[in-house]
Amino acid sequence: METNLYAIIVQIHEISGLESGEILEVTATDPGSVKDLAAFCTQTGNEMLSSEKMGVNFIFRIRKA
């Protein structure tokens, strides 16, 4: 489970290696990641499938454009 900012950035970069339509799951603990990852999806054209809070974690599912 990845929880720090550097780890989140590494996970986001992983999306570049995915095929269109594949899904990346990102785990974060920072509440600011909700806003940040929504902006990331808007800027890149990727689709935020879900954003949910599970305990102290925020789990995001992003579909590559």
PDB file of N, CA and C in Angstrom:
ATOM      1  N   MET A   1       0.848  -1.173   0.000  1.00  0.00           N
ATOM      2  CA  MET A   1       0.000   0.000   0.000  1.00  0.00           C
ATOM      3  C   MET A   1       0.895   1.238   0.000  1.00  0.00           C
ATOM      4  N   GLU A   2       0.672   2.118  -0.937  1.00  0.00           N
ATOM      5  CA  GLU A   2       1.486   3.321  -1.058  1.00  0.00           C
ATOM      6  C   GLU A   2       0.777   4.475  -0.359  1.00  0.00           C
ATOM      7  N   THR A   3       1.525   5.249   0.438  1.00  0.00           N
ATOM      8  CA  THR A   3       0.861   6.293   1.193  1.00  0.00           C
ATOM      9  C   THR A   3       1.520   7.665   1.121  1.00  0.00           C
ATOM     10  N   ASN A   4       2.764   7.777   0.691  1.00  0.00           N
ATOM     11  CA  ASN A   4       3.386   9.095   0.690  1.00  0.00           C
ATOM     12  C   ASN A   4       3.325   9.734  -0.692  1.00  0.00           C
ATOM     13  N   LEU A   5       3.617  11.028  -0.756  1.00  0.00           N
ATOM     14  CA  LEU A   5       3.498  11.778  -2.009  1.00  0.00           C
ATOM     15  C   LEU A   5       4.368  11.194  -3.107  1.00  0.00           C
ATOM     16  N   TYR A   6       5.599  10.857  -2.809  1.00  0.00           N
ATOM     17  CA  TYR A   6       6.483  10.282  -3.823  1.00  0.00           C
ATOM     18  C   TYR A   6       5.877   9.004  -4.395  1.00  0.00           C
ATOM     19  N   ALA A   7       5.347   8.157  -3.538  1.00  0.00           N
ATOM     20  CA  ALA A   7       4.751   6.897  -3.991  1.00  0.00           C
ATOM     21  C   ALA A   7       3.539   7.152  -4.884  1.00  0.00           C
ATOM     22  N   ILE A   8       2.756   8.176  -4.564  1.00  0.00           N
ATOM     23  CA  ILE A   8       1.597   8.517  -5.390  1.00  0.00           C
ATOM     24  C   ILE A   8       2.067   8.963  -6.774  1.00  0.00           C
ATOM     25  N   ILE A   9       3.108   9.779  -6.809  1.00  0.00           N
ATOM     26  CA  ILE A   9       3.641  10.250  -8.092  1.00  0.00           C
ATOM     27  C   ILE A   9       4.128   9.068  -8.920  1.00  0.00           C
ATOM     28  N   VAL A  10       4.801   8.140  -8.291  1.00  0.00           N
ATOM     29  CA  VAL A  10       5.279   6.943  -8.996  1.00  0.00           C
ATOM     30  C   VAL A  10       4.092   6.175  -9.568  1.00  0.00           C
ATOM     31  N   GLN A  11       3.026   6.017  -8.788  1.00  0.00           N
ATOM     32  CA  GLN A  11       1.847   5.302  -9.272  1.00  0.00           C
ATOM     33  C   GLN A  11       1.212   6.020 -10.455  1.00  0.00           C
ATOM     34  N   ILE A  12       1.136   7.340 -10.382  1.00  0.00           N
ATOM     35  CA  ILE A  12       0.543   8.108 -11.475  1.00  0.00           C
ATOM     36  C   ILE A  12       1.364   7.930 -12.748  1.00  0.00           C
ATOM     37  N   HIS A  13       2.681   7.902 -12.627  1.00  0.00           N
ATOM     38  CA  HIS A  13       3.527   7.699 -13.801  1.00  0.00           C
ATOM     39  C   HIS A  13       3.314   6.316 -14.405  1.00  0.00           C
ATOM     40  N   GLU A  14       2.868   5.378 -13.604  1.00  0.00           N
ATOM     41  CA  GLU A  14       2.601   4.034 -14.111  1.00  0.00           C
ATOM     42  C   GLU A  14       1.497   4.044 -15.158  1.00  0.00           C
ATOM     43  N   ILE A  15       0.616   5.026 -15.118  1.00  0.00           N
ATOM     44  CA  ILE A  15      -0.486   5.060 -16.075  1.00  0.00           C
ATOM     45  C   ILE A  15       0.030   5.206 -17.500  1.00  0.00           C
ATOM     46  N   SER A  16       1.200   5.807 -17.674  1.00  0.00           N
ATOM     47  CA  SER A  16       1.744   5.971 -19.025  1.00  0.00           C
ATOM     48  C   SER A  16       2.074   4.623 -19.662  1.00  0.00           C
ATOM     49  N   GLY A  17       2.318   3.610 -18.853  1.00  0.00           N
ATOM     50  CA  GLY A  17       2.616   2.283 -19.374  1.00  0.00           C
ATOM     51  C   GLY A  17       1.391   1.426 -19.623  1.00  0.00           C
ATOM     52  N   LEU A  18       0.222   1.952 -19.307  1.00  0.00           N
ATOM     53  CA  LEU A  18      -1.017   1.196 -19.503  1.00  0.00           C
ATOM     54  C   LEU A  18      -1.584   1.427 -20.893  1.00  0.00           C
ATOM     55  N   GLU A  19      -2.354   0.467 -21.345  1.00  0.00           N
ATOM     56  CA  GLU A  19      -3.090   0.610 -22.600  1.00  0.00           C
ATOM     57  C   GLU A  19      -4.365   1.404 -22.326  1.00  0.00           C
ATOM     58  N   SER A  20      -4.878   2.047 -23.355  1.00  0.00           N
ATOM     59  CA  SER A  20      -6.135   2.776 -23.231  1.00  0.00           C
ATOM     60  C   SER A  20      -7.219   1.843 -22.678  1.00  0.00           C
ATOM     61  N   GLY A  21      -7.945   2.314 -21.673  1.00  0.00           N
ATOM     62  CA  GLY A  21      -9.016   1.522 -21.069  1.00  0.00           C
ATOM     63  C   GLY A  21      -8.595   0.745 -19.836  1.00  0.00           C
ATOM     64  N   GLU A  22      -7.291   0.564 -19.646  1.00  0.00           N
ATOM     65  CA  GLU A  22      -6.829  -0.143 -18.448  1.00  0.00           C
ATOM     66  C   GLU A  22      -7.009   0.753 -17.224  1.00  0.00           C
ATOM     67  N   ILE A  23      -7.057   0.128 -16.054  1.00  0.00           N
ATOM     68  CA  ILE A  23      -7.366   0.841 -14.821  1.00  0.00           C
ATOM     69  C   ILE A  23      -6.176   0.798 -13.869  1.00  0.00           C
ATOM     70  N   LEU A  24      -5.871   1.965 -13.300  1.00  0.00           N
ATOM     71  CA  LEU A  24      -4.834   2.104 -12.286  1.00  0.00           C
ATOM     72  C   LEU A  24      -5.497   2.398 -10.954  1.00  0.00           C
ATOM     73  N   GLU A  25      -5.090   1.689  -9.918  1.00  0.00           N
ATOM     74  CA  GLU A  25      -5.582   1.964  -8.567  1.00  0.00           C
ATOM     75  C   GLU A  25      -4.485   2.683  -7.795  1.00  0.00           C
ATOM     76  N   VAL A  26      -4.839   3.808  -7.192  1.00  0.00           N
ATOM     77  CA  VAL A  26      -3.901   4.612  -6.421  1.00  0.00           C
ATOM     78  C   VAL A  26      -4.411   4.689  -4.990  1.00  0.00           C
ATOM     79  N   THR A  27      -3.515   4.474  -4.021  1.00  0.00           N
ATOM     80  CA  THR A  27      -3.856   4.567  -2.607  1.00  0.00           C
ATOM     81  C   THR A  27      -3.084   5.719  -1.990  1.00  0.00           C
ATOM     82  N   ALA A  28      -3.779   6.553  -1.226  1.00  0.00           N
ATOM     83  CA  ALA A  28      -3.145   7.706  -0.578  1.00  0.00           C
ATOM     84  C   ALA A  28      -3.735   7.892   0.817  1.00  0.00           C
ATOM     85  N   THR A  29      -3.001   8.623   1.644  1.00  0.00           N
ATOM     86  CA  THR A  29      -3.523   8.961   2.976  1.00  0.00           C
ATOM     87  C   THR A  29      -3.786  10.449   3.118  1.00  0.00           C
ATOM     88  N   ASP A  30      -3.291  11.249   2.194  1.00  0.00           N
ATOM     89  CA  ASP A  30      -3.436  12.705   2.249  1.00  0.00           C
ATOM     90  C   ASP A  30      -4.807  13.115   1.718  1.00  0.00           C
ATOM     91  N   PRO A  31      -5.633  13.790   2.526  1.00  0.00           N
ATOM     92  CA  PRO A  31      -6.945  14.238   2.050  1.00  0.00           C
ATOM     93  C   PRO A  31      -6.847  15.150   0.817  1.00  0.00           C
ATOM     94  N   GLY A  32      -5.741  15.849   0.649  1.00  0.00           N
ATOM     95  CA  GLY A  32      -5.551  16.700  -0.518  1.00  0.00           C
ATOM     96  C   GLY A  32      -5.443  15.923  -1.818  1.00  0.00           C
ATOM     97  N   SER A  33      -5.185  14.627  -1.720  1.00  0.00           N
ATOM     98  CA  SER A  33      -5.062  13.809  -2.925  1.00  0.00           C
ATOM     99  C   SER A  33      -6.385  13.720  -3.684  1.00  0.00           C
ATOM    100  N   VAL A  34      -7.507  13.907  -2.995  1.00  0.00           N
ATOM    101  CA  VAL A  34      -8.813  13.861  -3.664  1.00  0.00           C
ATOM    102  C   VAL A  34      -8.866  14.954  -4.728  1.00  0.00           C
ATOM    103  N   LYS A  35      -8.539  16.154  -4.334  1.00  0.00           N
ATOM    104  CA  LYS A  35      -8.534  17.299  -5.254  1.00  0.00           C
ATOM    105  C   LYS A  35      -7.425  17.159  -6.295  1.00  0.00           C
ATOM    106  N   ASP A  36      -6.243  16.743  -5.862  1.00  0.00           N
ATOM    107  CA  ASP A  36      -5.095  16.640  -6.759  1.00  0.00           C
ATOM    108  C   ASP A  36      -5.317  15.609  -7.862  1.00  0.00           C
ATOM    109  N   LEU A  37      -5.825  14.445  -7.508  1.00  0.00           N
ATOM    110  CA  LEU A  37      -6.023  13.410  -8.519  1.00  0.00           C
ATOM    111  C   LEU A  37      -7.195  13.731  -9.443  1.00  0.00           C
ATOM    112  N   ALA A  38      -8.207  14.429  -8.939  1.00  0.00           N
ATOM    113  CA  ALA A  38      -9.298  14.884  -9.809  1.00  0.00           C
ATOM    114  C   ALA A  38      -8.744  15.852 -10.858  1.00  0.00           C
ATOM    115  N   ALA A  39      -7.878  16.776 -10.428  1.00  0.00           N
ATOM    116  CA  ALA A  39      -7.255  17.724 -11.356  1.00  0.00           C
ATOM    117  C   ALA A  39      -6.367  16.990 -12.356  1.00  0.00           C
ATOM    118  N   PHE A  40      -5.625  16.000 -11.883  1.00  0.00           N
ATOM    119  CA  PHE A  40      -4.774  15.195 -12.761  1.00  0.00           C
ATOM    120  C   PHE A  40      -5.602  14.563 -13.871  1.00  0.00           C
ATOM    121  N   CYS A  41      -6.742  13.984 -13.513  1.00  0.00           N
ATOM    122  CA  CYS A  41      -7.595  13.334 -14.512  1.00  0.00           C
ATOM    123  C   CYS A  41      -8.151  14.349 -15.505  1.00  0.00           C
ATOM    124  N   THR A  42      -8.580  15.487 -15.010  1.00  0.00           N
ATOM    125  CA  THR A  42      -9.102  16.534 -15.892  1.00  0.00           C
ATOM    126  C   THR A  42      -8.035  16.990 -16.877  1.00  0.00           C
ATOM    127  N   GLN A  43      -6.821  17.195 -16.391  1.00  0.00           N
ATOM    128  CA  GLN A  43      -5.737  17.701 -17.235  1.00  0.00           C
ATOM    129  C   GLN A  43      -5.244  16.674 -18.244  1.00  0.00           C
ATOM    130  N   THR A  44      -5.329  15.400 -17.913  1.00  0.00           N
ATOM    131  CA  THR A  44      -4.776  14.359 -18.783  1.00  0.00           C
ATOM    132  C   THR A  44      -5.829  13.654 -19.631  1.00  0.00           C
ATOM    133  N   GLY A  45      -7.102  13.889 -19.335  1.00  0.00           N
ATOM    134  CA  GLY A  45      -8.165  13.230 -20.084  1.00  0.00           C
ATOM    135  C   GLY A  45      -8.470  11.826 -19.600  1.00  0.00           C
ATOM    136  N   ASN A  46      -7.817  11.403 -18.515  1.00  0.00           N
ATOM    137  CA  ASN A  46      -8.127  10.096 -17.935  1.00  0.00           C
ATOM    138  C   ASN A  46      -9.419  10.198 -17.135  1.00  0.00           C
ATOM    139  N   GLU A  47     -10.057   9.072 -16.893  1.00  0.00           N
ATOM    140  CA  GLU A  47     -11.358   9.069 -16.219  1.00  0.00           C
ATOM    141  C   GLU A  47     -11.238   8.564 -14.782  1.00  0.00           C
ATOM    142  N   MET A  48     -11.693   9.380 -13.839  1.00  0.00           N
ATOM    143  CA  MET A  48     -11.753   8.961 -12.437  1.00  0.00           C
ATOM    144  C   MET A  48     -12.989   8.082 -12.294  1.00  0.00           C
ATOM    145  N   LEU A  49     -12.775   6.795 -12.105  1.00  0.00           N
ATOM    146  CA  LEU A  49     -13.895   5.869 -11.955  1.00  0.00           C
ATOM    147  C   LEU A  49     -14.457   5.904 -10.547  1.00  0.00           C
ATOM    148  N   SER A  50     -13.575   6.017  -9.567  1.00  0.00           N
ATOM    149  CA  SER A  50     -14.042   6.067  -8.184  1.00  0.00           C
ATOM    150  C   SER A  50     -13.004   6.732  -7.304  1.00  0.00           C
ATOM    151  N   SER A  51     -13.510   7.307  -6.241  1.00  0.00           N
ATOM    152  CA  SER A  51     -12.697   7.950  -5.226  1.00  0.00           C
ATOM    153  C   SER A  51     -13.411   7.689  -3.914  1.00  0.00           C
ATOM    154  N   GLU A  52     -12.819   6.865  -3.063  1.00  0.00           N
ATOM    155  CA  GLU A  52     -13.506   6.541  -1.816  1.00  0.00           C
ATOM    156  C   GLU A  52     -12.543   6.535  -0.636  1.00  0.00           C
ATOM    157  N   LYS A  53     -13.087   6.792   0.519  1.00  0.00           N
ATOM    158  CA  LYS A  53     -12.311   6.782   1.760  1.00  0.00           C
ATOM    159  C   LYS A  53     -12.561   5.461   2.466  1.00  0.00           C
ATOM    160  N   MET A  54     -11.471   4.789   2.816  1.00  0.00           N
ATOM    161  CA  MET A  54     -11.559   3.521   3.542  1.00  0.00           C
ATOM    162  C   MET A  54     -10.622   3.636   4.737  1.00  0.00           C
ATOM    163  N   GLY A  55     -11.187   3.933   5.891  1.00  0.00           N
ATOM    164  CA  GLY A  55     -10.359   4.157   7.072  1.00  0.00           C
ATOM    165  C   GLY A  55      -9.550   5.426   6.884  1.00  0.00           C
ATOM    166  N   VAL A  56      -8.228   5.324   7.008  1.00  0.00           N
ATOM    167  CA  VAL A  56      -7.362   6.491   6.818  1.00  0.00           C
ATOM    168  C   VAL A  56      -6.920   6.634   5.361  1.00  0.00           C
ATOM    169  N   ASN A  57      -7.266   5.671   4.519  1.00  0.00           N
ATOM    170  CA  ASN A  57      -6.831   5.664   3.128  1.00  0.00           C
ATOM    171  C   ASN A  57      -7.886   6.211   2.184  1.00  0.00           C
ATOM    172  N   PHE A  58      -7.393   6.776   1.095  1.00  0.00           N
ATOM    173  CA  PHE A  58      -8.226   7.183  -0.026  1.00  0.00           C
ATOM    174  C   PHE A  58      -7.835   6.285  -1.189  1.00  0.00           C
ATOM    175  N   ILE A  59      -8.824   5.646  -1.794  1.00  0.00           N
ATOM    176  CA  ILE A  59      -8.583   4.711  -2.881  1.00  0.00           C
ATOM    177  C   ILE A  59      -9.185   5.305  -4.155  1.00  0.00           C
ATOM    178  N   PHE A  60      -8.366   5.394  -5.194  1.00  0.00           N
ATOM    179  CA  PHE A  60      -8.799   5.961  -6.463  1.00  0.00           C
ATOM    180  C   PHE A  60      -8.640   4.918  -7.555  1.00  0.00           C
ATOM    181  N   ARG A  61      -9.606   4.874  -8.438  1.00  0.00           N
ATOM    182  CA  ARG A  61      -9.512   4.016  -9.622  1.00  0.00           C
ATOM    183  C   ARG A  61      -9.607   4.940 -10.830  1.00  0.00           C
ATOM    184  N   ILE A  62      -8.574   4.885 -11.664  1.00  0.00           N
ATOM    185  CA  ILE A  62      -8.463   5.778 -12.813  1.00  0.00           C
ATOM    186  C   ILE A  62      -8.346   4.947 -14.083  1.00  0.00           C
ATOM    187  N   ARG A  63      -9.207   5.256 -15.065  1.00  0.00           N
ATOM    188  CA  ARG A  63      -9.142   4.556 -16.353  1.00  0.00           C
ATOM    189  C   ARG A  63      -8.329   5.408 -17.330  1.00  0.00           C
ATOM    190  N   LYS A  64      -7.339   4.780 -17.951  1.00  0.00           N
ATOM    191  CA  LYS A  64      -6.503   5.506 -18.905  1.00  0.00           C
ATOM    192  C   LYS A  64      -7.303   5.827 -20.169  1.00  0.00           C
ATOM    193  N   ALA A  65      -7.144   7.051 -20.618  1.00  0.00           N
ATOM    194  CA  ALA A  65      -7.842   7.506 -21.821  1.00  0.00           C
ATOM    195  C   ALA A  65      -7.301   6.795 -23.050  1.00  0.00           C
TER     196      ALA A  65
END
